[in-house]
Amino acid sequence: MNLARIQEEIRNQKLDGWLFFDHHLRDPLAYRVLGIQKTKGPTRRWYYLISAEGEPAGMVHRIERDELASLPGDKIPYSTWSEQRTALAKLVAGKKRIAMQYSPMCAIPYVSNVDAGTIELVRSLGVEVVSSAELIQVFEARWTQAQMDSHFEAGRRVDRARAAAFQMIGERTRNGLTIQEYEVQQFVRQFFAKQGLVTDSGPIVGCNANASNPHYEPSAEVTSPIRAGDWVLLDMWAKLDQPGAVYYDITWTGFCGDSPTGEMRKVFSVVTGARDAAVSRVQSAIAAKQELRGFEVDDASRAVIENAGYGAYFTHRTGHSIGVEVHGNGANMDNFETHDERRVMPWSCFSIEPGVYLPAFGVRSEINMFIGENDARVTGEIQREVVLI
């Protein structure tokens, strides 16, 4: 835990403190920010307050007195429910405005880990509780130089896997044969393993109507054949198999043959235009040193699709934060599923992945953007044309 850095950011956000709470490992964010090891899980509640100034302090149940032993500051012991309330009042005494892992109306579920009852308890002590969403992304979403390097290297390897998968599909379908979606998926997983990559799931390999299901994944039991004349969507994400590595996450689409339909080409053009509009919105804001919020990027992308008449078929946010988990805890590019007002901040990364999902086929074009101190860049190859598989 970098106490000085945390306190600096608490002051930057004009807060009196940041209150952490856990019970039965409900809040993994707390353990990562505080730099403490998860145990088998506290069976009693603990609290830990980092004030804007001065020494932190916590409170622990007497039968689990070592839960916060690795952290600095005094730990108030308690046993009974009445002692807990008294100890908590002592812990937050003099504080007017503190942050907790809470999101009003659960607008940002990634940080909404503290239960409503605990929020009510803290507020009953005369303290205003605000969301820690901005604090969380400072300490969760900002990469180190090593993480940025790992992302670019993962990108080079994942891009090779994507090209190899399209080549394998083409070799099969151009010879009049078929190949199963699941077979392609397993080929990619094996390619990842040989390249020193790991992933939590996927990849998505969707043919025709299956490409219209944004989270479709084939399995040994549920899979469709890919033949000449079919539309194929590949969505793959992976990271280097090393501690602290971060993900690279892309989606490309192709046609098994030389002549996609006019509708396929049109939808592809609309989707990639929406992607490029979002990229332009980010790059222009960063170049002008303007503050940019996640929802504004979604607006830029969605407007292109809505103006083309496909708004009803774009059924998810434009992009998500990327980190050690493929869906990270920074700002999402979202004014659809939520109204994400978090800042797009330096040393963070996110996807831009608009899509149009028609009954017969779906198109999504996904790239990753990294925000530097003074620039914003796409971190891998950009699909400009339909892949003729």
Foldseek 3Di string as FASTA:
>chain_A
DPLLVLLVVCVVVVFQKAKEKFFQPLDPLVCQLQVHDDDNTHNDMKMKIRGSDDWIEIEDEPVPVCPCVVGDDYYHYDHDPVRVLVVLLVRCPPGAEYEYQPDVVCLPVVSHRDDPVVVVSNVVSNHHYDHCLQVSCVRWFFDDPVQVVQALLQQVQLVVLVVVLVVVQQVAQVVVHKDKQANSFVSSVVSQVVVQKDAPDDWAKAKWQRQLVVPDGADPVRIDIDHAFIKIKTWDKITHPDPFHWMFIWMAIAHAADDHDPVVQVQQVLQVVLLVQLVVVVFVCLQVVHWDWLQVSQVRSLVSCVVVPQNVQFQDGQKAWIGNHRRISHGHNDPDSHRTGHTPDANGKMKGWTKGRDNGHIDITIFMWHHHNRGIDTSHDGDDGHHHD
